[in-house]
């Protein structure tokens, strides 16, 4: 075979394994669905879900049925209304605001019990 000619797969220079590795990485990445979340998005989503669960658990402690129903409906509506938010800074602000509202609800419930 000529020195500059094409080589069959598996034979050749040290660059061939690196090229194959790159091809495998591209193939693996292309198997992900287009809607796959980045790690940062996944972690932020977990924060939002955790906040949602904490709020709903706190609402269970509200003594009046009508108030519990109102707060639960309000919470669900707020999370639904903002479910399509994608701007990182806005999402962080909403999480911060939600945590402050949760703390306020917990303080109010604690005062009501005492």
PDB file of N, CA and C in Angstrom:
ATOM      1  N   UNK A   1       0.838  -1.169   0.000  1.00  0.00           N
ATOM      2  CA  UNK A   1       0.000   0.000   0.000  1.00  0.00           C
ATOM      3  C   UNK A   1       0.888   1.238   0.000  1.00  0.00           C
ATOM      4  N   UNK A   2       0.443   2.295  -0.625  1.00  0.00           N
ATOM      5  CA  UNK A   2       1.225   3.521  -0.729  1.00  0.00           C
ATOM      6  C   UNK A   2       1.265   4.214   0.614  1.00  0.00           C
ATOM      7  N   UNK A   3       2.345   4.966   0.868  1.00  0.00           N
ATOM      8  CA  UNK A   3       2.531   5.611   2.161  1.00  0.00           C
ATOM      9  C   UNK A   3       1.465   6.665   2.435  1.00  0.00           C
ATOM     10  N   UNK A   4       0.995   7.381   1.427  1.00  0.00           N
ATOM     11  CA  UNK A   4       0.044   8.457   1.659  1.00  0.00           C
ATOM     12  C   UNK A   4      -1.398   8.060   1.403  1.00  0.00           C
ATOM     13  N   UNK A   5      -1.654   6.805   1.045  1.00  0.00           N
ATOM     14  CA  UNK A   5      -2.998   6.384   0.670  1.00  0.00           C
ATOM     15  C   UNK A   5      -3.898   6.112   1.866  1.00  0.00           C
ATOM     16  N   UNK A   6      -5.159   5.893   1.594  1.00  0.00           N
ATOM     17  CA  UNK A   6      -6.095   5.626   2.682  1.00  0.00           C
ATOM     18  C   UNK A   6      -5.794   4.292   3.352  1.00  0.00           C
ATOM     19  N   UNK A   7      -6.102   4.213   4.638  1.00  0.00           N
ATOM     20  CA  UNK A   7      -5.849   2.994   5.396  1.00  0.00           C
ATOM     21  C   UNK A   7      -7.188   2.396   5.831  1.00  0.00           C
ATOM     22  N   UNK A   8      -7.225   1.094   5.918  1.00  0.00           N
ATOM     23  CA  UNK A   8      -8.447   0.465   6.412  1.00  0.00           C
ATOM     24  C   UNK A   8      -8.675   0.809   7.876  1.00  0.00           C
ATOM     25  N   UNK A   9      -9.929   0.768   8.331  1.00  0.00           N
ATOM     26  CA  UNK A   9     -10.212   1.073   9.742  1.00  0.00           C
ATOM     27  C   UNK A   9      -9.419   0.142  10.657  1.00  0.00           C
ATOM     28  N   UNK A  10      -8.973   0.672  11.786  1.00  0.00           N
ATOM     29  CA  UNK A  10      -8.219  -0.126  12.735  1.00  0.00           C
ATOM     30  C   UNK A  10      -6.726  -0.082  12.494  1.00  0.00           C
ATOM     31  N   UNK A  11      -6.293   0.324  11.328  1.00  0.00           N
ATOM     32  CA  UNK A  11      -4.872   0.433  11.035  1.00  0.00           C
ATOM     33  C   UNK A  11      -4.513   1.898  10.965  1.00  0.00           C
ATOM     34  N   UNK A  12      -3.301   2.213  11.251  1.00  0.00           N
ATOM     35  CA  UNK A  12      -2.875   3.571  10.965  1.00  0.00           C
ATOM     36  C   UNK A  12      -2.287   4.286  12.144  1.00  0.00           C
ATOM     37  N   UNK A  13      -2.443   5.593  12.106  1.00  0.00           N
ATOM     38  CA  UNK A  13      -1.753   6.472  13.041  1.00  0.00           C
ATOM     39  C   UNK A  13      -2.432   6.489  14.406  1.00  0.00           C
ATOM     40  N   UNK A  14      -1.802   7.210  15.329  1.00  0.00           N
ATOM     41  CA  UNK A  14      -2.341   7.357  16.687  1.00  0.00           C
ATOM     42  C   UNK A  14      -3.562   8.264  16.698  1.00  0.00           C
ATOM     43  N   UNK A  15      -3.774   9.029  15.650  1.00  0.00           N
ATOM     44  CA  UNK A  15      -4.917   9.937  15.595  1.00  0.00           C
ATOM     45  C   UNK A  15      -6.220   9.174  15.404  1.00  0.00           C
ATOM     46  N   UNK A  16      -6.179   7.986  14.863  1.00  0.00           N
ATOM     47  CA  UNK A  16      -7.393   7.220  14.597  1.00  0.00           C
ATOM     48  C   UNK A  16      -8.210   6.934  15.857  1.00  0.00           C
ATOM     49  N   UNK A  17      -7.606   6.490  16.987  1.00  0.00           N
ATOM     50  CA  UNK A  17      -8.405   6.261  18.192  1.00  0.00           C
ATOM     51  C   UNK A  17      -9.061   7.539  18.715  1.00  0.00           C
ATOM     52  N   UNK A  18      -8.337   8.656  18.638  1.00  0.00           N
ATOM     53  CA  UNK A  18      -8.912   9.919  19.102  1.00  0.00           C
ATOM     54  C   UNK A  18     -10.089  10.318  18.224  1.00  0.00           C
ATOM     55  N   UNK A  19      -9.976  10.101  16.937  1.00  0.00           N
ATOM     56  CA  UNK A  19     -11.064  10.416  16.026  1.00  0.00           C
ATOM     57  C   UNK A  19     -12.270   9.535  16.322  1.00  0.00           C
ATOM     58  N   UNK A  20     -12.027   8.265  16.560  1.00  0.00           N
ATOM     59  CA  UNK A  20     -13.121   7.332  16.871  1.00  0.00           C
ATOM     60  C   UNK A  20     -13.810   7.727  18.179  1.00  0.00           C
ATOM     61  N   UNK A  21     -13.019   8.151  19.176  1.00  0.00           N
ATOM     62  CA  UNK A  21     -13.589   8.608  20.439  1.00  0.00           C
ATOM     63  C   UNK A  21     -14.492   9.810  20.223  1.00  0.00           C
ATOM     64  N   UNK A  22     -14.037  10.744  19.414  1.00  0.00           N
ATOM     65  CA  UNK A  22     -14.829  11.934  19.120  1.00  0.00           C
ATOM     66  C   UNK A  22     -16.128  11.548  18.421  1.00  0.00           C
ATOM     67  N   UNK A  23     -16.035  10.608  17.481  1.00  0.00           N
ATOM     68  CA  UNK A  23     -17.243  10.150  16.785  1.00  0.00           C
ATOM     69  C   UNK A  23     -18.226   9.509  17.763  1.00  0.00           C
ATOM     70  N   UNK A  24     -17.720   8.721  18.700  1.00  0.00           N
ATOM     71  CA  UNK A  24     -18.593   8.071  19.691  1.00  0.00           C
ATOM     72  C   UNK A  24     -19.271   9.102  20.589  1.00  0.00           C
ATOM     73  N   UNK A  25     -18.523  10.150  20.967  1.00  0.00           N
ATOM     74  CA  UNK A  25     -19.115  11.201  21.798  1.00  0.00           C
ATOM     75  C   UNK A  25     -20.235  11.918  21.051  1.00  0.00           C
ATOM     76  N   UNK A  26     -20.012  12.217  19.790  1.00  0.00           N
ATOM     77  CA  UNK A  26     -21.036  12.879  18.983  1.00  0.00           C
ATOM     78  C   UNK A  26     -22.258  11.980  18.851  1.00  0.00           C
ATOM     79  N   UNK A  27     -22.015  10.681  18.607  1.00  0.00           N
ATOM     80  CA  UNK A  27     -23.134   9.746  18.471  1.00  0.00           C
ATOM     81  C   UNK A  27     -23.914   9.649  19.774  1.00  0.00           C
ATOM     82  N   UNK A  28     -23.208   9.598  20.909  1.00  0.00           N
ATOM     83  CA  UNK A  28     -23.883   9.504  22.207  1.00  0.00           C
ATOM     84  C   UNK A  28     -24.682  10.770  22.479  1.00  0.00           C
ATOM     85  N   UNK A  29     -24.118  11.918  22.166  1.00  0.00           N
ATOM     86  CA  UNK A  29     -24.823  13.178  22.387  1.00  0.00           C
ATOM     87  C   UNK A  29     -26.051  13.278  21.496  1.00  0.00           C
ATOM     88  N   UNK A  30     -25.970  12.749  20.305  1.00  0.00           N
ATOM     89  CA  UNK A  30     -27.103  12.856  19.389  1.00  0.00           C
ATOM     90  C   UNK A  30     -28.243  11.926  19.789  1.00  0.00           C
ATOM     91  N   UNK A  31     -27.993  10.974  20.690  1.00  0.00           N
ATOM     92  CA  UNK A  31     -29.059  10.093  21.162  1.00  0.00           C
ATOM     93  C   UNK A  31     -29.959  10.776  22.171  1.00  0.00           C
ATOM     94  N   UNK A  32     -29.493  11.870  22.744  1.00  0.00           N
ATOM     95  CA  UNK A  32     -30.309  12.597  23.707  1.00  0.00           C
ATOM     96  C   UNK A  32     -31.458  13.283  22.983  1.00  0.00           C
ATOM     97  N   UNK A  33     -32.627  13.273  23.578  1.00  0.00           N
ATOM     98  CA  UNK A  33     -33.736  13.989  22.941  1.00  0.00           C
ATOM     99  C   UNK A  33     -33.457  15.494  22.959  1.00  0.00           C
ATOM    100  N   UNK A  34     -33.981  16.210  21.995  1.00  0.00           N
ATOM    101  CA  UNK A  34     -33.718  17.652  21.928  1.00  0.00           C
ATOM    102  C   UNK A  34     -34.186  18.387  23.186  1.00  0.00           C
ATOM    103  N   UNK A  35     -35.152  17.834  23.898  1.00  0.00           N
ATOM    104  CA  UNK A  35     -35.688  18.499  25.079  1.00  0.00           C
ATOM    105  C   UNK A  35     -34.941  18.135  26.356  1.00  0.00           C
ATOM    106  N   UNK A  36     -33.832  17.419  26.260  1.00  0.00           N
ATOM    107  CA  UNK A  36     -33.074  17.020  27.442  1.00  0.00           C
ATOM    108  C   UNK A  36     -32.560  18.253  28.180  1.00  0.00           C
ATOM    109  N   UNK A  37     -32.620  18.207  29.513  1.00  0.00           N
ATOM    110  CA  UNK A  37     -32.189  19.328  30.335  1.00  0.00           C
ATOM    111  C   UNK A  37     -30.682  19.280  30.566  1.00  0.00           C
ATOM    112  N   UNK A  38     -30.088  20.448  30.691  1.00  0.00           N
ATOM    113  CA  UNK A  38     -28.696  20.496  31.110  1.00  0.00           C
ATOM    114  C   UNK A  38     -28.660  20.188  32.601  1.00  0.00           C
ATOM    115  N   UNK A  39     -27.487  19.940  33.136  1.00  0.00           N
ATOM    116  CA  UNK A  39     -27.364  19.658  34.564  1.00  0.00           C
ATOM    117  C   UNK A  39     -27.878  20.830  35.392  1.00  0.00           C
ATOM    118  N   UNK A  40     -27.540  22.039  34.987  1.00  0.00           N
ATOM    119  CA  UNK A  40     -27.973  23.238  35.710  1.00  0.00           C
ATOM    120  C   UNK A  40     -29.500  23.349  35.704  1.00  0.00           C
ATOM    121  N   UNK A  41     -30.108  23.093  34.545  1.00  0.00           N
ATOM    122  CA  UNK A  41     -31.567  23.143  34.450  1.00  0.00           C
ATOM    123  C   UNK A  41     -32.206  22.049  35.302  1.00  0.00           C
ATOM    124  N   UNK A  42     -31.609  20.866  35.286  1.00  0.00           N
ATOM    125  CA  UNK A  42     -32.135  19.757  36.077  1.00  0.00           C
ATOM    126  C   UNK A  42     -32.100  20.090  37.562  1.00  0.00           C
ATOM    127  N   UNK A  43     -30.979  20.648  38.033  1.00  0.00           N
ATOM    128  CA  UNK A  43     -30.856  21.003  39.446  1.00  0.00           C
ATOM    129  C   UNK A  43     -31.834  22.117  39.828  1.00  0.00           C
ATOM    130  N   UNK A  44     -32.003  23.087  38.949  1.00  0.00           N
ATOM    131  CA  UNK A  44     -32.949  24.173  39.220  1.00  0.00           C
ATOM    132  C   UNK A  44     -34.369  23.626  39.290  1.00  0.00           C
ATOM    133  N   UNK A  45     -34.691  22.695  38.403  1.00  0.00           N
ATOM    134  CA  UNK A  45     -36.016  22.065  38.406  1.00  0.00           C
ATOM    135  C   UNK A  45     -36.254  21.344  39.729  1.00  0.00           C
ATOM    136  N   UNK A  46     -35.232  20.684  40.244  1.00  0.00           N
ATOM    137  CA  UNK A  46     -35.355  19.988  41.523  1.00  0.00           C
ATOM    138  C   UNK A  46     -35.617  20.981  42.650  1.00  0.00           C
ATOM    139  N   UNK A  47     -34.975  22.148  42.588  1.00  0.00           N
ATOM    140  CA  UNK A  47     -35.212  23.187  43.591  1.00  0.00           C
ATOM    141  C   UNK A  47     -36.671  23.642  43.563  1.00  0.00           C
ATOM    142  N   UNK A  48     -37.189  23.847  42.356  1.00  0.00           N
ATOM    143  CA  UNK A  48     -38.569  24.309  42.199  1.00  0.00           C
ATOM    144  C   UNK A  48     -39.543  23.260  42.737  1.00  0.00           C
ATOM    145  N   UNK A  49     -39.331  22.003  42.379  1.00  0.00           N
ATOM    146  CA  UNK A  49     -40.220  20.942  42.852  1.00  0.00           C
ATOM    147  C   UNK A  49     -40.156  20.801  44.371  1.00  0.00           C
ATOM    148  N   UNK A  50     -38.967  20.931  44.928  1.00  0.00           N
ATOM    149  CA  UNK A  50     -38.809  20.840  46.384  1.00  0.00           C
ATOM    150  C   UNK A  50     -39.561  21.983  47.076  1.00  0.00           C
ATOM    151  N   UNK A  51     -39.455  23.178  46.527  1.00  0.00           N
ATOM    152  CA  UNK A  51     -40.177  24.328  47.078  1.00  0.00           C
ATOM    153  C   UNK A  51     -41.680  24.095  47.008  1.00  0.00           C
ATOM    154  N   UNK A  52     -42.152  23.614  45.884  1.00  0.00           N
ATOM    155  CA  UNK A  52     -43.583  23.339  45.693  1.00  0.00           C
ATOM    156  C   UNK A  52     -44.082  22.350  46.750  1.00  0.00           C
ATOM    157  N   UNK A  53     -43.347  21.282  46.949  1.00  0.00           N
ATOM    158  CA  UNK A  53     -43.746  20.275  47.947  1.00  0.00           C
ATOM    159  C   UNK A  53     -43.750  20.850  49.357  1.00  0.00           C
ATOM    160  N   UNK A  54     -42.728  21.643  49.690  1.00  0.00           N
ATOM    161  CA  UNK A  54     -42.658  22.255  51.021  1.00  0.00           C
ATOM    162  C   UNK A  54     -43.847  23.174  51.265  1.00  0.00           C
ATOM    163  N   UNK A  55     -44.213  23.949  50.256  1.00  0.00           N
ATOM    164  CA  UNK A  55     -45.346  24.863  50.402  1.00  0.00           C
ATOM    165  C   UNK A  55     -46.629  24.068  50.624  1.00  0.00           C
ATOM    166  N   UNK A  56     -46.843  23.027  49.819  1.00  0.00           N
ATOM    167  CA  UNK A  56     -48.058  22.229  49.979  1.00  0.00           C
ATOM    168  C   UNK A  56     -48.107  21.542  51.346  1.00  0.00           C
ATOM    169  N   UNK A  57     -46.965  21.092  51.844  1.00  0.00           N
ATOM    170  CA  UNK A  57     -46.930  20.480  53.180  1.00  0.00           C
ATOM    171  C   UNK A  57     -47.269  21.504  54.257  1.00  0.00           C
ATOM    172  N   UNK A  58     -46.755  22.715  54.111  1.00  0.00           N
ATOM    173  CA  UNK A  58     -47.046  23.769  55.087  1.00  0.00           C
ATOM    174  C   UNK A  58     -48.529  24.130  55.059  1.00  0.00           C
ATOM    175  N   UNK A  59     -49.118  24.134  53.876  1.00  0.00           N
ATOM    176  CA  UNK A  59     -50.534  24.482  53.744  1.00  0.00           C
ATOM    177  C   UNK A  59     -51.413  23.471  54.475  1.00  0.00           C
ATOM    178  N   UNK A  60     -50.981  22.219  54.555  1.00  0.00           N
ATOM    179  CA  UNK A  60     -51.748  21.197  55.281  1.00  0.00           C
ATOM    180  C   UNK A  60     -51.962  21.568  56.737  1.00  0.00           C
ATOM    181  N   UNK A  61     -51.084  22.400  57.280  1.00  0.00           N
ATOM    182  CA  UNK A  61     -51.169  22.799  58.691  1.00  0.00           C
ATOM    183  C   UNK A  61     -52.159  23.937  58.925  1.00  0.00           C
ATOM    184  N   UNK A  62     -52.655  24.548  57.867  1.00  0.00           N
ATOM    185  CA  UNK A  62     -53.610  25.652  58.016  1.00  0.00           C
ATOM    186  C   UNK A  62     -54.913  25.086  58.587  1.00  0.00           C
ATOM    187  N   UNK A  63     -55.400  25.664  59.689  1.00  0.00           N
ATOM    188  CA  UNK A  63     -56.555  25.072  60.362  1.00  0.00           C
ATOM    189  C   UNK A  63     -57.881  25.177  59.583  1.00  0.00           C
ATOM    190  N   UNK A  64     -58.132  26.267  58.918  1.00  0.00           N
ATOM    191  CA  UNK A  64     -59.425  26.471  58.250  1.00  0.00           C
ATOM    192  C   UNK A  64     -59.416  25.838  56.855  1.00  0.00           C
ATOM    193  N   UNK A  65     -60.420  25.010  56.587  1.00  0.00           N
ATOM    194  CA  UNK A  65     -60.533  24.303  55.297  1.00  0.00           C
ATOM    195  C   UNK A  65     -60.579  25.275  54.117  1.00  0.00           C
ATOM    196  N   UNK A  66     -61.351  26.333  54.248  1.00  0.00           N
ATOM    197  CA  UNK A  66     -61.488  27.295  53.146  1.00  0.00           C
ATOM    198  C   UNK A  66     -60.146  27.963  52.844  1.00  0.00           C
ATOM    199  N   UNK A  67     -59.407  28.306  53.904  1.00  0.00           N
ATOM    200  CA  UNK A  67     -58.094  28.927  53.717  1.00  0.00           C
ATOM    201  C   UNK A  67     -57.113  27.944  53.083  1.00  0.00           C
ATOM    202  N   UNK A  68     -57.156  26.689  53.539  1.00  0.00           N
ATOM    203  CA  UNK A  68     -56.292  25.659  52.944  1.00  0.00           C
ATOM    204  C   UNK A  68     -56.568  25.525  51.459  1.00  0.00           C
ATOM    205  N   UNK A  69     -57.831  25.447  51.089  1.00  0.00           N
ATOM    206  CA  UNK A  69     -58.213  25.287  49.680  1.00  0.00           C
ATOM    207  C   UNK A  69     -57.749  26.493  48.868  1.00  0.00           C
ATOM    208  N   UNK A  70     -57.984  27.704  49.413  1.00  0.00           N
ATOM    209  CA  UNK A  70     -57.564  28.919  48.709  1.00  0.00           C
ATOM    210  C   UNK A  70     -56.050  28.932  48.485  1.00  0.00           C
ATOM    211  N   UNK A  71     -55.273  28.640  49.547  1.00  0.00           N
ATOM    212  CA  UNK A  71     -53.815  28.674  49.443  1.00  0.00           C
ATOM    213  C   UNK A  71     -53.295  27.606  48.474  1.00  0.00           C
ATOM    214  N   UNK A  72     -53.902  26.432  48.509  1.00  0.00           N
ATOM    215  CA  UNK A  72     -53.479  25.355  47.610  1.00  0.00           C
ATOM    216  C   UNK A  72     -53.753  25.739  46.157  1.00  0.00           C
ATOM    217  N   UNK A  73     -54.951  26.272  45.896  1.00  0.00           N
ATOM    218  CA  UNK A  73     -55.291  26.700  44.527  1.00  0.00           C
ATOM    219  C   UNK A  73     -54.370  27.831  44.063  1.00  0.00           C
ATOM    220  N   UNK A  74     -54.109  28.774  44.962  1.00  0.00           N
ATOM    221  CA  UNK A  74     -53.245  29.900  44.617  1.00  0.00           C
ATOM    222  C   UNK A  74     -51.838  29.405  44.286  1.00  0.00           C
ATOM    223  N   UNK A  75     -51.324  28.490  45.106  1.00  0.00           N
ATOM    224  CA  UNK A  75     -49.978  27.945  44.883  1.00  0.00           C
ATOM    225  C   UNK A  75     -49.901  27.231  43.540  1.00  0.00           C
ATOM    226  N   UNK A  76     -50.848  26.364  43.288  1.00  0.00           N
ATOM    227  CA  UNK A  76     -50.844  25.627  42.015  1.00  0.00           C
ATOM    228  C   UNK A  76     -50.893  26.576  40.829  1.00  0.00           C
ATOM    229  N   UNK A  77     -51.750  27.590  40.930  1.00  0.00           N
ATOM    230  CA  UNK A  77     -51.887  28.543  39.826  1.00  0.00           C
ATOM    231  C   UNK A  77     -50.582  29.318  39.596  1.00  0.00           C
ATOM    232  N   UNK A  78     -49.924  29.743  40.663  1.00  0.00           N
ATOM    233  CA  UNK A  78     -48.659  30.478  40.529  1.00  0.00           C
ATOM    234  C   UNK A  78     -47.592  29.618  39.857  1.00  0.00           C
ATOM    235  N   UNK A  79     -47.488  28.362  40.279  1.00  0.00           N
ATOM    236  CA  UNK A  79     -46.480  27.488  39.673  1.00  0.00           C
ATOM    237  C   UNK A  79     -46.833  27.186  38.217  1.00  0.00           C
ATOM    238  N   UNK A  80     -48.099  26.979  37.931  1.00  0.00           N
ATOM    239  CA  UNK A  80     -48.504  26.735  36.529  1.00  0.00           C
ATOM    240  C   UNK A  80     -48.236  27.953  35.657  1.00  0.00           C
ATOM    241  N   UNK A  81     -48.550  29.120  36.189  1.00  0.00           N
ATOM    242  CA  UNK A  81     -48.388  30.356  35.426  1.00  0.00           C
ATOM    243  C   UNK A  81     -46.921  30.579  35.036  1.00  0.00           C
ATOM    244  N   UNK A  82     -46.020  30.130  35.880  1.00  0.00           N
ATOM    245  CA  UNK A  82     -44.593  30.369  35.642  1.00  0.00           C
ATOM    246  C   UNK A  82     -43.840  29.141  35.138  1.00  0.00           C
ATOM    247  N   UNK A  83     -44.555  28.088  34.772  1.00  0.00           N
ATOM    248  CA  UNK A  83     -43.881  26.836  34.392  1.00  0.00           C
ATOM    249  C   UNK A  83     -43.036  26.953  33.125  1.00  0.00           C
ATOM    250  N   UNK A  84     -43.327  27.907  32.259  1.00  0.00           N
ATOM    251  CA  UNK A  84     -42.578  28.044  31.013  1.00  0.00           C
ATOM    252  C   UNK A  84     -41.439  29.051  31.109  1.00  0.00           C
ATOM    253  N   UNK A  85     -41.165  29.547  32.312  1.00  0.00           N
ATOM    254  CA  UNK A  85     -40.078  30.511  32.483  1.00  0.00           C
ATOM    255  C   UNK A  85     -38.749  29.833  32.175  1.00  0.00           C
ATOM    256  N   UNK A  86     -37.891  30.521  31.431  1.00  0.00           N
ATOM    257  CA  UNK A  86     -36.602  29.946  31.054  1.00  0.00           C
ATOM    258  C   UNK A  86     -35.431  30.829  31.460  1.00  0.00           C
ATOM    259  N   UNK A  87     -35.682  32.087  31.748  1.00  0.00           N
ATOM    260  CA  UNK A  87     -34.601  33.004  32.092  1.00  0.00           C
ATOM    261  C   UNK A  87     -34.076  32.683  33.495  1.00  0.00           C
ATOM    262  N   UNK A  88     -32.804  32.358  33.576  1.00  0.00           N
ATOM    263  CA  UNK A  88     -32.186  31.892  34.822  1.00  0.00           C
ATOM    264  C   UNK A  88     -32.371  32.873  35.978  1.00  0.00           C
ATOM    265  N   UNK A  89     -32.137  34.139  35.735  1.00  0.00           N
ATOM    266  CA  UNK A  89     -32.259  35.141  36.797  1.00  0.00           C
ATOM    267  C   UNK A  89     -33.696  35.240  37.292  1.00  0.00           C
ATOM    268  N   UNK A  90     -34.659  35.199  36.408  1.00  0.00           N
ATOM    269  CA  UNK A  90     -36.069  35.275  36.800  1.00  0.00           C
ATOM    270  C   UNK A  90     -36.465  34.057  37.635  1.00  0.00           C
ATOM    271  N   UNK A  91     -35.988  32.895  37.252  1.00  0.00           N
ATOM    272  CA  UNK A  91     -36.309  31.669  37.990  1.00  0.00           C
ATOM    273  C   UNK A  91     -35.711  31.742  39.396  1.00  0.00           C
ATOM    274  N   UNK A  92     -34.470  32.201  39.488  1.00  0.00           N
ATOM    275  CA  UNK A  92     -33.842  32.337  40.810  1.00  0.00           C
ATOM    276  C   UNK A  92     -34.614  33.305  41.695  1.00  0.00           C
ATOM    277  N   UNK A  93     -35.068  34.409  41.110  1.00  0.00           N
ATOM    278  CA  UNK A  93     -35.846  35.386  41.882  1.00  0.00           C
ATOM    279  C   UNK A  93     -37.168  34.781  42.354  1.00  0.00           C
ATOM    280  N   UNK A  94     -37.826  34.012  41.484  1.00  0.00           N
ATOM    281  CA  UNK A  94     -39.092  33.388  41.870  1.00  0.00           C
ATOM    282  C   UNK A  94     -38.887  32.367  42.988  1.00  0.00           C
ATOM    283  N   UNK A  95     -37.787  31.616  42.930  1.00  0.00           N
ATOM    284  CA  UNK A  95     -37.494  30.655  43.997  1.00  0.00           C
ATOM    285  C   UNK A  95     -37.257  31.389  45.311  1.00  0.00           C
ATOM    286  N   UNK A  96     -36.502  32.472  45.263  1.00  0.00           N
ATOM    287  CA  UNK A  96     -36.244  33.270  46.464  1.00  0.00           C
ATOM    288  C   UNK A  96     -37.541  33.819  47.041  1.00  0.00           C
ATOM    289  N   UNK A  97     -38.387  34.359  46.174  1.00  0.00           N
ATOM    290  CA  UNK A  97     -39.667  34.899  46.619  1.00  0.00           C
ATOM    291  C   UNK A  97     -40.544  33.788  47.207  1.00  0.00           C
ATOM    292  N   UNK A  98     -40.562  32.636  46.578  1.00  0.00           N
ATOM    293  CA  UNK A  98     -41.340  31.512  47.081  1.00  0.00           C
ATOM    294  C   UNK A  98     -40.854  31.049  48.441  1.00  0.00           C
ATOM    295  N   UNK A  99     -39.535  31.014  48.640  1.00  0.00           N
ATOM    296  CA  UNK A  99     -38.985  30.634  49.946  1.00  0.00           C
ATOM    297  C   UNK A  99     -39.352  31.647  51.024  1.00  0.00           C
ATOM    298  N   UNK A 100     -39.349  32.927  50.672  1.00  0.00           N
ATOM    299  CA  UNK A 100     -39.743  33.957  51.645  1.00  0.00           C
ATOM    300  C   UNK A 100     -41.220  33.809  52.012  1.00  0.00           C
ATOM    301  N   UNK A 101     -42.059  33.533  51.028  1.00  0.00           N
ATOM    302  CA  UNK A 101     -43.481  33.339  51.303  1.00  0.00           C
ATOM    303  C   UNK A 101     -43.720  32.087  52.148  1.00  0.00           C
ATOM    304  N   UNK A 102     -42.955  31.036  51.893  1.00  0.00           N
ATOM    305  CA  UNK A 102     -43.044  29.820  52.691  1.00  0.00           C
ATOM    306  C   UNK A 102     -42.663  30.113  54.138  1.00  0.00           C
ATOM    307  N   UNK A 103     -41.582  30.833  54.341  1.00  0.00           N
ATOM    308  CA  UNK A 103     -41.154  31.185  55.706  1.00  0.00           C
ATOM    309  C   UNK A 103     -42.202  32.017  56.424  1.00  0.00           C
ATOM    310  N   UNK A 104     -42.811  32.942  55.689  1.00  0.00           N
ATOM    311  CA  UNK A 104     -43.862  33.773  56.281  1.00  0.00           C
ATOM    312  C   UNK A 104     -45.063  32.919  56.693  1.00  0.00           C
ATOM    313  N   UNK A 105     -45.459  31.986  55.841  1.00  0.00           N
ATOM    314  CA  UNK A 105     -46.561  31.080  56.167  1.00  0.00           C
ATOM    315  C   UNK A 105     -46.218  30.242  57.396  1.00  0.00           C
ATOM    316  N   UNK A 106     -44.987  29.714  57.449  1.00  0.00           N
ATOM    317  CA  UNK A 106     -44.576  28.906  58.592  1.00  0.00           C
ATOM    318  C   UNK A 106     -44.561  29.719  59.889  1.00  0.00           C
ATOM    319  N   UNK A 107     -44.094  30.965  59.810  1.00  0.00           N
ATOM    320  CA  UNK A 107     -44.103  31.837  61.000  1.00  0.00           C
ATOM    321  C   UNK A 107     -45.530  32.106  61.457  1.00  0.00           C
ATOM    322  N   UNK A 108     -46.399  32.383  60.512  1.00  0.00           N
ATOM    323  CA  UNK A 108     -47.802  32.671  60.844  1.00  0.00           C
ATOM    324  C   UNK A 108     -48.466  31.463  61.498  1.00  0.00           C
ATOM    325  N   UNK A 109     -48.206  30.279  60.951  1.00  0.00           N
ATOM    326  CA  UNK A 109     -48.789  29.058  61.513  1.00  0.00           C
ATOM    327  C   UNK A 109     -48.251  28.806  62.924  1.00  0.00           C
ATOM    328  N   UNK A 110     -46.965  29.080  63.119  1.00  0.00           N
ATOM    329  CA  UNK A 110     -46.367  28.882  64.433  1.00  0.00           C
ATOM    330  C   UNK A 110     -46.996  29.824  65.459  1.00  0.00           C
ATOM    331  N   UNK A 111     -47.207  31.073  65.053  1.00  0.00           N
ATOM    332  CA  UNK A 111     -47.850  32.046  65.950  1.00  0.00           C
ATOM    333  C   UNK A 111     -49.292  31.641  66.259  1.00  0.00           C
ATOM    334  N   UNK A 112     -49.985  31.122  65.273  1.00  0.00           N
ATOM    335  CA  UNK A 112     -51.387  30.725  65.452  1.00  0.00           C
ATOM    336  C   UNK A 112     -51.510  29.567  66.446  1.00  0.00           C
ATOM    337  N   UNK A 113     -50.502  28.696  66.476  1.00  0.00           N
ATOM    338  CA  UNK A 113     -50.538  27.542  67.378  1.00  0.00           C
ATOM    339  C   UNK A 113     -50.232  27.948  68.830  1.00  0.00           C
ATOM    340  N   UNK A 114     -49.488  29.033  68.998  1.00  0.00           N
ATOM    341  CA  UNK A 114     -49.083  29.416  70.357  1.00  0.00           C
ATOM    342  C   UNK A 114     -50.086  30.326  71.038  1.00  0.00           C
TER     343      UNK A 114
END
